[in-house]
Protein backbone atom coordinates (compact mmCIF):
# COMPACT_ATOMS: atom_id res chain seq x y z
CA MET A 1 77.94 99.90 93.47
CA LYS A 2 76.43 102.62 91.21
CA GLU A 3 73.36 100.59 90.89
CA MET A 4 72.68 101.75 94.77
CA LEU A 5 72.54 105.13 93.54
CA SER A 6 68.96 106.81 92.43
CA SER A 7 68.67 106.49 88.44
CA ARG A 8 69.95 110.39 88.57
CA SER A 9 72.50 110.26 90.22
CA LYS A 10 73.99 106.95 88.64
CA ARG A 11 73.54 108.87 85.44
CA GLN A 12 75.23 111.91 86.50
CA LEU A 13 78.04 110.08 87.74
CA GLU A 14 78.69 108.53 84.68
CA LEU A 15 78.51 111.86 82.79
CA MET A 16 81.07 112.76 85.00
CA GLU A 17 83.28 109.67 84.41
CA ILE A 18 82.97 110.39 80.88
CA LEU A 19 83.93 114.11 81.08
CA ALA A 20 86.84 112.84 83.75
CA ASP A 21 87.94 110.97 81.16
CA ASN A 22 87.93 113.16 77.81
CA GLU A 23 89.39 116.63 76.91
CA TRP A 24 85.59 117.84 75.22
CA VAL A 25 82.73 115.69 74.68
CA THR A 26 79.82 116.83 72.65
CA PHE A 27 76.29 116.72 73.54
CA ILE A 28 75.37 114.28 70.97
CA THR A 29 78.09 111.76 72.14
CA ALA A 30 77.14 112.25 75.71
CA SER A 31 73.29 111.82 75.03
CA GLU A 32 73.62 108.60 72.81
CA SER A 33 76.08 107.19 75.83
CA LEU A 34 73.67 107.52 78.38
CA ASN A 35 70.78 107.10 76.54
CA VAL A 36 69.00 110.73 77.57
CA PRO A 37 67.74 113.59 75.70
CA VAL A 38 70.17 116.66 75.59
CA LYS A 39 67.58 118.54 77.43
CA THR A 40 67.78 116.06 80.48
CA LEU A 41 71.77 116.40 80.36
CA LYS A 42 71.59 120.21 80.73
CA SER A 43 69.41 119.45 83.40
CA ASP A 44 71.99 117.56 84.99
CA ILE A 45 74.62 119.96 84.55
CA VAL A 46 72.74 122.85 86.47
CA GLU A 47 72.90 120.01 89.28
CA LEU A 48 76.11 118.88 88.99
CA GLU A 49 77.54 122.47 89.04
CA ALA A 50 76.27 122.76 92.67
CA LEU A 51 77.31 119.50 93.97
CA LEU A 52 81.02 120.00 92.07
CA ALA A 53 81.79 123.68 93.14
CA PRO A 54 84.11 125.05 92.82
CA ALA A 55 84.79 122.49 89.53
CA THR A 56 82.76 123.71 86.87
CA ILE A 57 81.28 122.20 83.47
CA GLU A 58 82.19 124.51 80.54
CA SER A 59 79.96 124.27 77.27
CA SER A 60 80.87 125.26 73.86
CA LYS A 61 78.68 125.41 71.07
CA LYS A 62 81.44 123.98 68.60
CA TYR A 63 83.51 121.55 71.10
CA GLY A 64 80.70 120.31 73.38
CA ILE A 65 81.05 120.05 77.19
CA ARG A 66 84.36 119.71 79.50
CA LEU A 67 85.19 119.38 83.31
CA ALA A 68 86.83 122.78 84.34
CA THR A 69 88.99 122.08 87.56
CA ASN A 70 91.72 123.47 89.52
CA PHE A 71 94.83 121.72 90.50
CA GLY A 72 93.36 120.05 93.30
CA PHE A 73 90.58 118.23 91.93
CA CYS A 74 90.61 114.83 90.68
CA LYS A 75 88.46 111.87 90.23
CA THR A 76 88.73 110.65 93.65
CA SER A 77 87.03 114.20 94.60
CA ILE A 78 84.25 113.10 92.10
CA TYR A 79 83.26 109.85 93.92
CA GLN A 80 83.66 111.45 97.33
CA LYS A 81 81.24 114.36 96.59
CA PHE A 82 78.56 111.62 95.30
CA LEU A 83 79.04 109.34 98.25
CA LYS A 84 78.52 112.39 100.72
CA ASN A 85 75.58 113.70 98.59
CA SER A 86 73.68 110.13 98.18
CA VAL A 87 70.85 109.46 100.24
CA GLU A 88 70.97 105.68 100.09
CA PHE A 89 74.89 105.70 101.14
CA GLN A 90 74.14 108.17 104.07
CA LEU A 91 71.50 106.01 105.16
CA ILE A 92 73.43 103.00 105.50
CA GLU A 93 76.49 104.75 107.31
CA LYS A 94 74.01 106.09 109.96
CA ILE A 95 72.74 102.93 110.58
CA PHE A 96 76.16 101.10 110.70
CA LEU A 97 77.01 104.15 113.32
CA HIS A 98 73.63 103.81 115.29
CA ASN A 99 72.88 107.53 115.04
CA PHE A 100 69.40 106.97 115.32
CA SER A 101 67.01 104.12 117.06
CA THR A 102 64.03 104.62 115.37
CA ILE A 103 63.27 105.18 111.80
CA ILE A 104 61.25 108.45 112.51
CA ASP A 105 64.39 109.92 113.84
CA LEU A 106 66.16 108.77 110.84
CA ALA A 107 64.07 110.07 108.12
CA ASP A 108 63.86 113.69 109.96
CA ASP A 109 67.62 113.92 109.82
CA LEU A 110 67.69 112.84 106.04
CA TYR A 111 64.72 115.02 105.60
CA THR A 112 62.54 112.75 103.79
CA SER A 113 59.48 110.50 104.57
CA VAL A 114 59.53 107.19 106.63
CA SER A 115 57.69 105.53 103.57
CA THR A 116 60.51 106.74 101.15
CA ILE A 117 63.15 105.35 103.63
CA LYS A 118 61.53 102.21 103.24
CA ARG A 119 61.72 102.47 99.79
CA ILE A 120 64.94 103.36 99.29
CA VAL A 121 65.99 100.42 102.02
CA GLN A 122 63.86 97.70 99.82
CA ARG A 123 65.67 98.98 96.79
CA VAL A 124 69.28 98.66 98.36
CA ASN A 125 69.04 95.67 99.89
CA GLN A 126 68.84 94.03 96.88
CA HIS A 127 72.50 94.94 96.14
CA LEU A 128 73.80 94.80 99.49
CA GLN A 129 72.52 91.08 99.86
CA ILE A 130 74.73 89.97 97.31
CA GLU A 131 77.57 91.78 99.37
CA GLY A 132 76.47 89.52 102.50
CA PHE A 133 74.29 91.22 104.28
CA THR A 134 71.01 93.74 104.41
CA ILE A 135 69.39 96.82 106.27
CA ASN A 136 67.00 95.91 109.40
CA LEU A 137 64.92 98.73 109.79
CA LYS A 138 62.93 96.88 112.85
CA LYS A 139 66.47 96.63 114.43
CA MET A 140 68.27 99.52 113.37
CA GLN A 141 70.99 97.63 112.39
CA LEU A 142 73.10 96.03 109.33
CA VAL A 143 72.40 92.38 109.44
CA GLY A 144 74.35 89.72 107.68
CA ASP A 145 78.01 88.31 107.67
CA PRO A 146 80.23 90.57 109.89
CA HIS A 147 83.37 89.87 107.73
CA SER A 148 81.05 91.31 104.78
CA ILE A 149 79.70 94.14 106.83
CA CYS A 150 83.42 95.35 108.47
CA ASN A 151 84.71 95.20 104.63
CA PHE A 152 82.07 96.99 103.19
CA MET A 153 82.19 99.66 105.74
CA GLN A 154 85.70 100.11 106.20
CA HIS A 155 86.26 100.77 102.28
CA TYR A 156 83.08 102.86 102.42
CA PHE A 157 84.87 105.09 105.10
CA TYR A 158 87.94 105.02 102.96
CA GLU A 159 86.38 106.32 99.92
CA LYS A 160 84.36 108.84 101.60
CA TYR A 161 86.80 110.53 104.06
CA GLY A 162 89.84 109.81 102.21
CA VAL A 163 92.06 110.50 105.70
CA ALA A 164 91.42 109.27 108.80
CA GLU A 165 91.73 112.80 110.07
CA SER A 166 88.23 113.59 108.34
CA LEU A 167 86.64 110.96 110.21
CA LEU A 168 87.98 110.51 113.85
CA THR A 169 88.66 113.12 116.34
CA ASN A 170 92.14 114.54 117.18
CA ALA A 171 91.42 112.80 120.78
CA GLN A 172 90.84 109.82 119.23
CA LEU A 173 93.61 109.51 116.51
CA PRO A 174 96.57 109.11 119.31
CA ILE A 175 94.93 106.41 121.37
CA LEU A 176 94.04 104.43 118.13
CA ASP A 177 97.53 104.71 116.91
CA LYS A 178 98.94 103.52 120.18
CA VAL A 179 96.91 100.49 120.25
CA GLY A 180 96.96 99.46 116.50
CA LEU A 181 101.05 99.92 116.41
CA GLN A 182 101.31 97.91 119.63
CA ILE A 183 99.17 95.02 117.88
CA ILE A 184 101.31 94.92 114.58
CA ASN A 185 104.73 95.15 116.49
CA GLN A 186 103.40 91.93 118.04
CA ALA A 187 101.95 90.40 115.56
CA THR A 188 105.10 91.10 112.97
CA PRO A 189 108.01 91.45 115.35
CA ASN A 190 110.29 90.85 112.73
CA VAL A 191 108.77 94.24 110.70
CA LYS A 192 110.87 97.34 110.75
CA SER A 193 108.81 100.21 112.18
CA HIS A 194 109.76 101.98 108.93
CA SER A 195 107.76 100.23 106.87
CA ILE A 196 104.45 101.17 108.58
CA ASP A 197 104.07 104.20 106.32
CA PHE A 198 100.92 106.75 105.82
CA SER A 199 98.90 104.30 103.50
CA LEU A 200 99.26 101.24 106.13
CA LEU A 201 98.11 103.62 109.02
CA ASN A 202 95.46 105.40 107.23
CA ARG A 203 93.91 102.04 106.38
CA LEU A 204 94.52 100.67 109.80
CA ARG A 205 92.48 103.64 111.28
CA PHE A 206 89.63 103.01 109.29
CA TYR A 207 89.51 99.06 109.39
CA THR A 208 89.91 99.47 113.32
CA TYR A 209 86.88 102.27 113.64
CA THR A 210 85.18 100.06 111.66
CA VAL A 211 85.44 96.92 113.95
CA ILE A 212 84.98 99.36 117.16
CA HIS A 213 81.53 100.34 115.84
CA LEU A 214 80.42 96.69 114.89
CA LEU A 215 81.28 95.70 118.59
CA LYS A 216 79.29 98.59 119.95
CA TYR A 217 76.03 98.30 117.91
CA ASN A 218 75.69 95.18 116.15
CA SER A 219 75.76 92.74 118.70
CA GLU A 220 73.92 90.19 116.76
CA ASN A 221 76.68 90.26 114.19
CA GLN A 222 79.74 89.60 115.89
CA LEU A 223 82.94 87.98 114.09
CA TYR A 224 83.61 84.26 114.61
CA ASP A 225 86.49 81.82 114.47
CA ILE A 226 88.64 84.77 116.11
CA PRO A 227 92.10 83.53 117.73
CA GLU A 228 92.44 83.88 121.45
CA LYS A 229 95.99 85.83 121.95
CA THR A 230 97.35 87.92 125.13
CA PHE A 231 97.90 91.60 124.67
CA PRO A 232 100.46 93.44 126.89
CA ILE A 233 98.68 96.80 126.26
CA ILE A 234 96.03 95.37 128.25
CA ASP A 235 98.58 96.24 131.54
CA ASP A 236 98.41 99.77 130.31
CA THR A 237 95.93 101.42 132.27
CA TYR A 238 96.20 105.02 130.68
CA ALA A 239 95.95 103.61 127.24
CA CYS A 240 92.62 101.40 128.65
CA ASP A 241 91.42 104.26 130.29
CA GLU A 242 91.95 106.61 127.44
CA PHE A 243 90.49 104.17 124.79
CA TYR A 244 87.15 104.01 126.74
CA SER A 245 87.06 107.55 127.01
CA GLN A 246 87.23 108.17 123.55
CA PHE A 247 85.37 104.85 122.06
CA HIS A 248 83.04 103.92 125.10
CA LEU A 249 84.06 100.46 124.68
CA PRO A 250 86.51 98.46 127.00
CA LEU A 251 90.10 97.54 126.05
CA SER A 252 89.45 94.01 126.68
CA PRO A 253 91.05 90.86 125.24
CA ASP A 254 87.98 89.75 123.79
CA ASN A 255 87.81 93.14 122.32
CA LEU A 256 91.28 93.22 121.02
CA ASN A 257 91.23 89.43 119.43
CA THR A 258 88.00 90.68 117.48
CA MET A 259 89.38 94.16 116.32
CA TYR A 260 92.70 92.42 115.39
CA PHE A 261 91.65 89.11 114.46
CA LEU A 262 93.18 89.41 110.74
CA PHE A 263 96.59 89.79 112.25
CA PHE A 264 96.45 86.74 114.19
CA SER A 265 94.57 84.52 111.78
CA ASP A 266 95.37 81.02 111.19
CA GLN A 267 95.34 81.79 107.53
CA TYR A 268 98.06 84.63 108.02
CA VAL A 269 101.49 84.11 107.45
CA ASP A 270 103.89 86.18 109.21
CA SER A 271 107.22 85.41 107.21
CA LEU A 272 108.58 83.20 104.77
CA ASP A 273 109.99 80.58 107.71
CA THR A 274 106.14 80.17 108.63
CA ALA A 275 105.19 79.96 105.30
CA HIS A 276 107.88 76.92 104.72
CA LYS A 277 106.60 74.91 107.47
CA MET A 278 103.14 75.33 106.21
CA ILE A 279 104.08 73.84 102.73
CA GLU A 280 105.35 70.86 104.45
CA VAL A 281 101.98 69.66 105.80
CA ASP A 282 99.69 71.50 103.31
CA ARG A 283 99.39 70.65 99.88
CA GLN A 284 97.14 73.44 99.12
CA ALA A 285 99.63 76.10 100.89
CA TYR A 286 102.52 74.24 98.62
CA LEU A 287 100.89 74.86 95.57
CA LYS A 288 100.10 78.74 96.28
CA TYR A 289 103.66 79.05 97.33
CA GLU A 290 105.11 77.74 94.24
CA LYS A 291 102.66 79.50 91.85
CA ILE A 292 103.51 83.00 93.41
CA LYS A 293 107.48 82.03 93.59
CA THR A 294 107.25 81.17 89.99
CA LEU A 295 105.80 84.20 89.13
CA LEU A 296 108.15 86.32 90.76
CA GLN A 297 111.17 84.70 89.19
CA GLU A 298 109.39 84.80 85.69
CA LEU A 299 108.96 88.55 86.27
CA GLU A 300 112.56 88.83 86.92
CA LYS A 301 113.74 87.01 84.44
CA LYS A 302 111.41 88.36 81.51
CA MET A 303 112.04 92.01 82.64
CA ASP A 304 115.74 91.31 83.55
CA CYS A 305 114.98 93.08 86.69
CA THR A 306 116.00 91.65 90.23
CA CYS A 307 113.37 92.28 92.96
CA LYS A 308 115.02 93.89 95.79
CA ASP A 309 111.68 93.10 98.35
CA PHE A 310 110.98 89.83 97.01
CA ASP A 311 110.30 88.29 100.62
CA ASP A 312 108.04 91.37 101.32
CA ILE A 313 106.00 90.93 97.98
CA PHE A 314 105.46 87.59 98.52
CA MET A 315 104.30 87.72 101.73
CA ARG A 316 101.47 90.34 100.57
CA LEU A 317 100.65 88.27 97.74
CA TYR A 318 100.43 85.06 99.67
CA ASN A 319 98.32 86.83 102.26
CA LEU A 320 95.76 88.81 100.24
CA ASP A 321 93.21 85.92 100.22
CA CYS A 322 92.94 86.38 104.04
CA GLN A 323 92.57 89.79 103.67
CA ILE A 324 89.83 90.47 101.33
CA ASN A 325 86.44 89.74 102.18
CA GLY A 326 85.08 91.18 99.99
CA ARG A 327 84.76 94.16 97.47
CA THR A 328 87.70 96.55 97.65
CA TYR A 329 86.05 99.64 96.26
CA ILE A 330 82.44 100.98 96.67
CA LEU A 331 82.27 103.57 93.71
CA HIS A 332 86.10 104.40 92.51
CA ASP A 333 87.96 101.01 91.94
CA LYS A 334 91.20 102.54 92.23
CA ASN A 335 93.27 99.28 91.46
CA LYS A 336 91.24 99.32 87.83
CA GLU A 337 91.99 102.72 87.21
CA PHE A 338 95.84 101.86 88.07
CA LEU A 339 95.77 99.12 85.83
CA ALA A 340 94.00 100.91 82.81
CA GLY A 341 97.09 103.57 83.28
CA ILE A 342 99.84 100.72 83.25
CA LYS A 343 97.91 99.09 80.15
CA ASN A 344 97.83 102.28 78.49
CA LEU A 345 101.42 103.27 79.15
CA TYR A 346 102.86 99.50 78.52
CA GLY A 347 100.59 97.92 75.80
CA HIS A 348 99.59 94.15 76.73
CA PHE A 349 102.12 93.21 79.14
CA PRO A 350 99.71 93.40 81.91
CA MET A 351 97.56 91.11 80.58
CA GLU A 352 100.00 88.17 81.07
CA LEU A 353 100.19 89.23 84.43
CA ILE A 354 96.53 89.20 85.01
CA HIS A 355 96.23 85.63 83.75
CA SER A 356 99.23 84.31 85.96
CA LEU A 357 97.56 86.05 89.43
CA GLN A 358 93.91 84.37 87.70
CA ALA A 359 95.76 81.05 88.19
CA ILE A 360 96.84 81.73 91.75
CA PHE A 361 93.68 83.20 93.04
CA TYR A 362 91.38 80.79 91.05
CA SER A 363 89.58 79.47 94.03
CA SER A 364 88.78 82.63 95.91
CA PRO A 365 85.33 83.85 95.29
CA TYR A 366 86.81 87.23 95.47
CA LYS A 367 89.53 86.49 93.03
CA ASP A 368 88.63 89.92 90.53
CA TYR A 369 89.11 92.27 93.17
CA MET A 370 92.49 90.30 94.69
CA VAL A 371 94.18 90.50 90.97
CA TYR A 372 93.69 94.07 90.86
CA GLU A 373 94.92 94.46 94.14
CA ALA A 374 97.85 92.12 93.45
CA ILE A 375 98.80 94.54 90.14
CA SER A 376 98.88 97.53 92.71
CA ILE A 377 101.05 95.62 94.76
CA LEU A 378 103.52 94.43 92.22
CA PHE A 379 104.11 97.75 90.72
CA THR A 380 103.96 100.01 93.57
CA HIS A 381 106.32 98.08 95.97
CA TRP A 382 108.60 96.62 93.01
CA PRO A 383 109.39 100.56 91.30
CA ASN A 384 112.04 98.85 89.40
CA LEU A 385 109.67 97.04 87.36
CA LEU A 386 108.25 100.59 85.96
CA ASP A 387 111.55 101.30 84.99
CA HIS A 388 112.36 97.98 83.06
CA LEU A 389 108.78 98.29 81.43
CA GLU A 390 110.20 101.82 80.09
CA TYR A 391 113.01 99.98 78.71
CA SER A 392 110.95 97.24 76.91
CA ILE A 393 108.22 99.34 75.31
CA PRO A 394 107.64 99.17 71.39
CA THR A 395 109.27 101.68 69.53
CA MET A 396 107.54 103.39 66.35
CA LYS A 397 109.34 104.40 63.38
CA ALA A 398 108.74 108.25 62.75
CA CYS A 399 110.18 110.50 59.89
CA LEU A 400 110.03 114.17 60.13
CA LEU A 401 109.63 116.75 57.62
CA PHE A 402 109.35 120.40 58.91
CA ASN A 403 109.53 123.78 57.21
CA SER A 404 112.92 124.11 58.78
CA GLY A 405 116.76 123.65 58.33
CA MET A 406 117.96 119.92 58.73
CA ASP A 407 119.87 121.22 62.32
CA TYR A 408 116.45 122.17 63.39
CA MET A 409 115.08 118.77 62.86
CA ASN A 410 117.52 116.81 64.33
CA VAL A 411 116.86 118.86 67.45
CA LEU A 412 113.01 118.17 67.15
CA SER A 413 113.83 114.53 66.80
CA GLU A 414 115.76 114.48 69.95
CA ARG A 415 113.20 116.16 71.65
CA ILE A 416 110.22 113.80 70.38
CA THR A 417 112.15 111.07 71.46
CA TYR A 418 112.98 112.27 74.69
CA TYR A 419 109.59 113.80 75.77
CA SER A 420 107.76 110.19 74.22
CA ARG A 421 110.24 108.21 76.49
CA GLY A 422 111.60 106.32 73.52
CA ARG A 423 107.93 105.58 72.05
CA PHE A 424 109.01 107.13 68.59
CA SER A 425 112.51 106.33 66.69
CA CYS A 426 112.71 110.02 65.06
CA THR A 427 114.59 110.64 61.89
CA PRO A 428 114.63 113.44 59.95
CA LEU A 429 114.28 113.40 55.88
CA TYR A 430 116.28 115.26 53.37
CA VAL A 431 114.32 115.03 50.06
CA THR A 432 113.71 117.52 47.51
CA SER A 433 109.90 116.80 46.48
CA LEU A 434 106.76 114.98 47.65
CA GLU A 435 107.33 112.07 45.32
CA GLU A 436 110.72 111.48 46.91
CA LEU A 437 108.66 112.18 50.28
CA GLU A 438 106.34 109.11 49.50
CA LYS A 439 109.23 106.79 48.49
CA GLU A 440 111.30 107.40 51.73
CA ALA A 441 108.11 107.79 53.80
CA SER A 442 107.20 103.80 52.90
CA GLU A 443 109.87 102.74 55.33
CA TYR A 444 108.40 104.19 58.53
CA ASP A 445 105.28 103.71 60.53
CA CYS A 446 104.26 107.57 60.51
CA ILE A 447 105.31 110.82 59.26
CA ILE A 448 105.38 113.89 61.80
CA THR A 449 105.18 117.60 60.26
CA ASN A 450 104.25 120.76 60.37
CA ILE A 451 102.99 120.70 56.68
CA PRO A 452 99.26 120.14 56.52
CA GLU A 453 99.24 119.61 52.57
CA ILE A 454 101.05 116.23 53.01
CA TYR A 455 99.18 113.38 52.33
CA ILE A 456 100.25 109.86 51.77
CA ASN A 457 98.13 106.91 51.51
CA ASN A 458 98.40 104.32 54.78
CA ILE A 459 100.68 106.14 56.43
CA PRO A 460 99.46 108.35 59.55
CA ILE A 461 100.24 112.15 59.35
CA ILE A 462 100.75 114.19 62.50
CA VAL A 463 100.65 117.64 62.20
CA ILE A 464 102.29 119.78 64.91
CA PRO A 465 103.69 122.73 65.50
CA LEU A 466 107.55 123.45 65.18
CA ILE A 467 107.53 123.85 68.62
CA PRO A 468 105.27 121.23 70.23
CA ASP A 469 102.85 121.58 72.81
CA ALA A 470 101.19 119.14 75.28
CA LYS A 471 98.62 118.67 72.56
CA SER A 472 101.35 117.78 70.27
CA PHE A 473 102.32 114.89 72.12
CA ASN A 474 98.62 113.89 73.12
CA LYS A 475 98.57 113.30 69.10
CA LEU A 476 101.71 111.30 68.87
CA MET A 477 100.27 109.10 71.90
CA LEU A 478 96.91 108.53 70.14
CA VAL A 479 98.52 107.40 67.00
CA TYR A 480 101.13 105.48 68.83
CA GLU A 481 98.26 103.73 70.87
CA ASP A 482 96.17 102.99 67.65
CA HIS A 483 99.15 101.55 66.14
CA PHE A 484 99.96 98.88 68.62
CA ASP A 485 96.42 98.24 69.11
CA LYS A 486 95.92 97.45 65.16
CA ASN A 487 99.08 95.10 65.12
């Protein structure tokens, strides 16, 4: 959704993405990548430093520019700051939360004019309509598919605020958790309480908060096809009174059915036993069941790695298509970033996984989002998979020649092998001349040395100090990735 930002904000965000992914970037490289003059970039940097404080953008005549941050700053921080600073996203949030009933009040709050608000809405609606809804300034509401509105807003709140404590008050959190956890226990009685971790609870809070505000202010966009269930918490007078006190919404059966419709959807499968019953009468359910089961079994076989939480992972994958109703991010695609990290570390294996998952979710209009979500589920809920990927990574044969004795080279070879996690198999060479080195080196993929004068055609030479530092291992990994990309 970067397209919703103003052209300046979009360019500045793209500049920050470049800086976040690189140590140093020359002005020329950044200028060509963003297709703007260097003078414009320098002006952007001044504005970005004000936005991103305490992070700064350092500049060097020799190296260019780089992002200088403290230990508490990361890519997520960048996207949060852009969301908080964006007039476009502020406008969407204020209209959804019904903070203002007239466009004049909204314009005053955003320190802009009514005509500017109208122009922004006209531009933003071109992108929002693809998501299934638009901004209606006459009604001061988001109008369209309620599922799409809920999906968009819950991911927006999650991405902007990070933790629900930043959005809800200290008084709202306990009652929201009390209701939410009781609903989860009712919907999935076989799930152990310890499986309800911080991540699940945090997302549940954002999700429920979003539906509450849809019920309060978007009366024309109520969710449809809601299953009817009874809820024991209705009999808890204190819970009902406290919920109304905090959210000004009755804790009625209708509202509860709407707030937690995902947990009681006809498509949601609460256990493998339920799935077994479904596949006996539903051909599509059977095909999906078999594809997911085959995928997990093939992964176990390929990686020689037993899936201890087979049932849990299976159910998470099986229920994805009834839980994802649109995009899974606003500006920061963490699932795609997670996949990129896996690919950088473990080569092309994830691409095989993507093809298998695409075959499972091929009929969903949101299959791209679901594939990335599924990969995140697999690796985060099957941690042994990462361990076995470590064992299966290809090895690059390296020979070592340093201005030191053989004993030190033996120690160094073990150190490089250990810290590169087995990506380099290092052999110290005992040679007496560069001519002899050239003959010996033909059996290896690269040469690691501290002698800059060494040069041999067609064999990468990696020059590092006698005591390798972080930059040394960055060099090694660049050569490693380049080697296997070519092959």
